[in-house]
Amino acid sequence: MSSALDRLKVLTTKMSGYEMARKDNLKILQELYKEIGIDKKVPDFAELFAFKAINLSGASLLGSSLGEVKEGKYLQVLAIGYDKNAVVKSKNISLGYFGRAENVDVQLKNKIVEFIIRYRFEKSFMTLEHYYEMFDSFKK
């Protein structure tokens, strides 16, 4: 009995930790959205999450080389839009162009990388919620 209670406590702690992290993440994400100028292309913060994904060219998003500049490339934030009624369903949309990656201020580049990671963190929660809600269709 005690081990079941212990597992429940651990799970509860993890869940509350994730919710706190998510809340803090959204706050910082919204600040970065304005700081790096994404708000000029997407005026409504909530509309960011209508994109299928947001990617970065010119710098690495891999854990082992996070933020590492790709020489000769241009630093650009790209969103993948999706229109199910269009002939070409998905298209890349530039949300921010910052010039040659090696010439971008390191602090700005780091904020851009952080923005993408924080966006993906929130987007993963939204995807999880979407699939969780789909379970209801199996209960009928």
C-alpha atoms as a PDB file:
ATOM      1  CA  MET A   1       0.000   0.000   0.000  1.00  0.00           C
ATOM      2  CA  SER A   2       2.795   2.371   0.922  1.00  0.00           C
ATOM      3  CA  SER A   3       4.542   1.917  -2.446  1.00  0.00           C
ATOM      4  CA  ALA A   4       1.333   2.806  -4.314  1.00  0.00           C
ATOM      5  CA  LEU A   5       0.984   5.932  -2.211  1.00  0.00           C
ATOM      6  CA  ASP A   6       4.643   6.788  -2.816  1.00  0.00           C
ATOM      7  CA  ARG A   7       4.204   6.384  -6.580  1.00  0.00           C
ATOM      8  CA  LEU A   8       1.152   8.639  -6.456  1.00  0.00           C
ATOM      9  CA  LYS A   9       3.097  11.288  -4.562  1.00  0.00           C
ATOM     10  CA  VAL A  10       5.942  11.148  -7.100  1.00  0.00           C
ATOM     11  CA  LEU A  11       3.493  11.387 -10.012  1.00  0.00           C
ATOM     12  CA  THR A  12       1.646  14.304  -8.403  1.00  0.00           C
ATOM     13  CA  THR A  13       4.916  16.135  -7.816  1.00  0.00           C
ATOM     14  CA  LYS A  14       5.969  15.618 -11.430  1.00  0.00           C
ATOM     15  CA  MET A  15       2.616  16.789 -12.782  1.00  0.00           C
ATOM     16  CA  SER A  16       2.571  19.930 -10.659  1.00  0.00           C
ATOM     17  CA  GLY A  17       6.186  20.570 -11.670  1.00  0.00           C
ATOM     18  CA  TYR A  18       5.263  20.319 -15.356  1.00  0.00           C
ATOM     19  CA  GLU A  19       2.324  22.676 -14.908  1.00  0.00           C
ATOM     20  CA  MET A  20       4.503  25.220 -13.094  1.00  0.00           C
ATOM     21  CA  ALA A  21       7.172  24.899 -15.802  1.00  0.00           C
ATOM     22  CA  ARG A  22       4.514  25.339 -18.483  1.00  0.00           C
ATOM     23  CA  LYS A  23       3.106  28.455 -16.825  1.00  0.00           C
ATOM     24  CA  ASP A  24       6.576  30.000 -16.456  1.00  0.00           C
ATOM     25  CA  ASN A  25       7.475  28.957 -19.995  1.00  0.00           C
ATOM     26  CA  LEU A  26       4.458  30.732 -21.502  1.00  0.00           C
ATOM     27  CA  LYS A  27       5.328  33.944 -19.691  1.00  0.00           C
ATOM     28  CA  ILE A  28       8.935  33.913 -20.920  1.00  0.00           C
ATOM     29  CA  LEU A  29       7.869  32.793 -24.407  1.00  0.00           C
ATOM     30  CA  GLN A  30       5.566  35.795 -24.724  1.00  0.00           C
ATOM     31  CA  GLU A  31       8.377  38.146 -23.652  1.00  0.00           C
ATOM     32  CA  LEU A  32      10.779  36.622 -26.202  1.00  0.00           C
ATOM     33  CA  TYR A  33       8.077  36.818 -28.888  1.00  0.00           C
ATOM     34  CA  LYS A  34       8.146  40.602 -28.491  1.00  0.00           C
ATOM     35  CA  GLU A  35      11.894  40.956 -27.879  1.00  0.00           C
ATOM     36  CA  ILE A  36      12.916  39.243 -31.105  1.00  0.00           C
ATOM     37  CA  GLY A  37      10.177  40.897 -33.158  1.00  0.00           C
ATOM     38  CA  ILE A  38       7.939  37.946 -33.999  1.00  0.00           C
ATOM     39  CA  ASP A  39       4.993  40.100 -32.880  1.00  0.00           C
ATOM     40  CA  LYS A  40       5.485  42.217 -36.013  1.00  0.00           C
ATOM     41  CA  LYS A  41       4.671  39.233 -38.257  1.00  0.00           C
ATOM     42  CA  VAL A  42       2.162  37.536 -35.935  1.00  0.00           C
ATOM     43  CA  PRO A  43       0.392  40.294 -33.969  1.00  0.00           C
ATOM     44  CA  ASP A  44      -1.725  37.894 -31.864  1.00  0.00           C
ATOM     45  CA  PHE A  45       0.449  35.674 -29.644  1.00  0.00           C
ATOM     46  CA  ALA A  46      -2.156  32.876 -29.634  1.00  0.00           C
ATOM     47  CA  GLU A  47      -1.942  32.636 -33.438  1.00  0.00           C
ATOM     48  CA  LEU A  48       1.611  31.275 -33.127  1.00  0.00           C
ATOM     49  CA  PHE A  49       0.141  27.954 -32.136  1.00  0.00           C
ATOM     50  CA  ALA A  50      -1.874  27.650 -35.341  1.00  0.00           C
ATOM     51  CA  PHE A  51       1.386  26.832 -37.123  1.00  0.00           C
ATOM     52  CA  LYS A  52       2.299  23.167 -37.457  1.00  0.00           C
ATOM     53  CA  ALA A  53       5.836  23.972 -36.315  1.00  0.00           C
ATOM     54  CA  ILE A  54       8.409  26.727 -36.019  1.00  0.00           C
ATOM     55  CA  ASN A  55      11.944  26.014 -37.181  1.00  0.00           C
ATOM     56  CA  LEU A  56      15.252  27.819 -37.283  1.00  0.00           C
ATOM     57  CA  SER A  57      17.813  28.026 -40.037  1.00  0.00           C
ATOM     58  CA  GLY A  58      21.377  29.112 -39.453  1.00  0.00           C
ATOM     59  CA  ALA A  59      21.829  27.692 -35.944  1.00  0.00           C
ATOM     60  CA  SER A  60      21.514  24.253 -34.419  1.00  0.00           C
ATOM     61  CA  LEU A  61      18.575  23.135 -32.301  1.00  0.00           C
ATOM     62  CA  LEU A  62      20.156  19.798 -31.385  1.00  0.00           C
ATOM     63  CA  GLY A  63      20.844  19.206 -27.713  1.00  0.00           C
ATOM     64  CA  SER A  64      24.524  18.423 -28.266  1.00  0.00           C
ATOM     65  CA  SER A  65      25.171  21.587 -30.309  1.00  0.00           C
ATOM     66  CA  LEU A  66      22.322  23.869 -29.240  1.00  0.00           C
ATOM     67  CA  GLY A  67      22.734  27.371 -30.645  1.00  0.00           C
ATOM     68  CA  GLU A  68      25.867  26.531 -32.591  1.00  0.00           C
ATOM     69  CA  VAL A  69      26.050  28.798 -35.645  1.00  0.00           C
ATOM     70  CA  LYS A  70      26.171  27.252 -39.111  1.00  0.00           C
ATOM     71  CA  GLU A  71      28.803  29.244 -41.005  1.00  0.00           C
ATOM     72  CA  GLY A  72      27.628  30.814 -44.263  1.00  0.00           C
ATOM     73  CA  LYS A  73      23.940  30.326 -43.410  1.00  0.00           C
ATOM     74  CA  TYR A  74      21.328  32.937 -42.632  1.00  0.00           C
ATOM     75  CA  LEU A  75      19.576  33.061 -39.268  1.00  0.00           C
ATOM     76  CA  GLN A  76      15.866  32.897 -39.924  1.00  0.00           C
ATOM     77  CA  VAL A  77      12.789  31.840 -37.965  1.00  0.00           C
ATOM     78  CA  LEU A  78      10.441  29.858 -40.211  1.00  0.00           C
ATOM     79  CA  ALA A  79       6.896  28.770 -39.444  1.00  0.00           C
ATOM     80  CA  ILE A  80       5.184  25.942 -41.244  1.00  0.00           C
ATOM     81  CA  GLY A  81       1.661  26.947 -42.131  1.00  0.00           C
ATOM     82  CA  TYR A  82      -0.989  24.489 -43.250  1.00  0.00           C
ATOM     83  CA  ASP A  83      -4.022  25.092 -45.441  1.00  0.00           C
ATOM     84  CA  LYS A  84      -6.067  21.953 -46.077  1.00  0.00           C
ATOM     85  CA  ASN A  85      -7.955  23.676 -48.914  1.00  0.00           C
ATOM     86  CA  ALA A  86      -4.874  24.783 -50.851  1.00  0.00           C
ATOM     87  CA  VAL A  87      -3.261  22.824 -53.684  1.00  0.00           C
ATOM     88  CA  VAL A  88       0.056  22.925 -51.812  1.00  0.00           C
ATOM     89  CA  LYS A  89      -1.017  22.104 -48.260  1.00  0.00           C
ATOM     90  CA  SER A  90       1.973  23.416 -46.305  1.00  0.00           C
ATOM     91  CA  LYS A  91       4.221  26.397 -46.818  1.00  0.00           C
ATOM     92  CA  ASN A  92       7.104  28.059 -45.035  1.00  0.00           C
ATOM     93  CA  ILE A  93       6.468  31.535 -43.662  1.00  0.00           C
ATOM     94  CA  SER A  94       9.322  33.734 -42.517  1.00  0.00           C
ATOM     95  CA  LEU A  95       8.676  35.129 -39.039  1.00  0.00           C
ATOM     96  CA  GLY A  96      12.058  36.759 -38.684  1.00  0.00           C
ATOM     97  CA  TYR A  97      15.181  37.261 -40.779  1.00  0.00           C
ATOM     98  CA  PHE A  98      18.339  38.251 -38.918  1.00  0.00           C
ATOM     99  CA  GLY A  99      21.104  38.100 -41.534  1.00  0.00           C
ATOM    100  CA  ARG A 100      24.195  35.924 -41.732  1.00  0.00           C
ATOM    101  CA  ALA A 101      24.266  33.693 -38.673  1.00  0.00           C
ATOM    102  CA  GLU A 102      27.907  34.413 -37.829  1.00  0.00           C
ATOM    103  CA  ASN A 103      27.194  38.172 -37.786  1.00  0.00           C
ATOM    104  CA  VAL A 104      24.171  38.069 -35.461  1.00  0.00           C
ATOM    105  CA  ASP A 105      24.755  39.294 -31.914  1.00  0.00           C
ATOM    106  CA  VAL A 106      25.259  36.234 -29.684  1.00  0.00           C
ATOM    107  CA  GLN A 107      22.668  37.390 -27.126  1.00  0.00           C
ATOM    108  CA  LEU A 108      20.047  37.885 -29.854  1.00  0.00           C
ATOM    109  CA  LYS A 109      20.866  34.497 -31.385  1.00  0.00           C
ATOM    110  CA  ASN A 110      20.514  32.850 -27.971  1.00  0.00           C
ATOM    111  CA  LYS A 111      17.111  34.508 -27.436  1.00  0.00           C
ATOM    112  CA  ILE A 112      15.960  33.255 -30.841  1.00  0.00           C
ATOM    113  CA  VAL A 113      17.065  29.691 -30.041  1.00  0.00           C
ATOM    114  CA  GLU A 114      15.388  29.921 -26.626  1.00  0.00           C
ATOM    115  CA  PHE A 115      12.186  31.172 -28.270  1.00  0.00           C
ATOM    116  CA  ILE A 116      12.063  28.143 -30.583  1.00  0.00           C
ATOM    117  CA  ILE A 117      12.704  25.654 -27.763  1.00  0.00           C
ATOM    118  CA  ARG A 118      10.112  27.299 -25.513  1.00  0.00           C
ATOM    119  CA  TYR A 119       7.591  27.357 -28.389  1.00  0.00           C
ATOM    120  CA  ARG A 120       8.135  23.639 -28.993  1.00  0.00           C
ATOM    121  CA  PHE A 121       7.747  22.904 -25.272  1.00  0.00           C
ATOM    122  CA  GLU A 122       4.323  24.591 -25.201  1.00  0.00           C
ATOM    123  CA  LYS A 123       3.297  23.105 -28.543  1.00  0.00           C
ATOM    124  CA  SER A 124       4.047  19.620 -27.185  1.00  0.00           C
ATOM    125  CA  PHE A 125       1.658  20.220 -24.273  1.00  0.00           C
ATOM    126  CA  MET A 126      -1.029  21.359 -26.698  1.00  0.00           C
ATOM    127  CA  THR A 127      -0.530  18.227 -28.790  1.00  0.00           C
ATOM    128  CA  LEU A 128      -0.734  16.058 -25.685  1.00  0.00           C
ATOM    129  CA  GLU A 129      -4.002  17.744 -24.658  1.00  0.00           C
ATOM    130  CA  HIS A 130      -5.403  17.272 -28.167  1.00  0.00           C
ATOM    131  CA  TYR A 131      -4.766  13.528 -28.143  1.00  0.00           C
ATOM    132  CA  TYR A 132      -5.993  13.171 -24.574  1.00  0.00           C
ATOM    133  CA  GLU A 133      -9.302  14.770 -25.583  1.00  0.00           C
ATOM    134  CA  MET A 134      -9.545  12.357 -28.518  1.00  0.00           C
ATOM    135  CA  PHE A 135      -9.761   9.471 -26.038  1.00  0.00           C
ATOM    136  CA  ASP A 136     -13.334  10.581 -25.325  1.00  0.00           C
ATOM    137  CA  SER A 137     -14.397   9.351 -28.755  1.00  0.00           C
ATOM    138  CA  PHE A 138     -13.467   5.784 -27.729  1.00  0.00           C
ATOM    139  CA  LYS A 139     -15.635   5.857 -24.608  1.00  0.00           C
ATOM    140  CA  LYS A 140     -18.896   5.790 -26.566  1.00  0.00           C
END
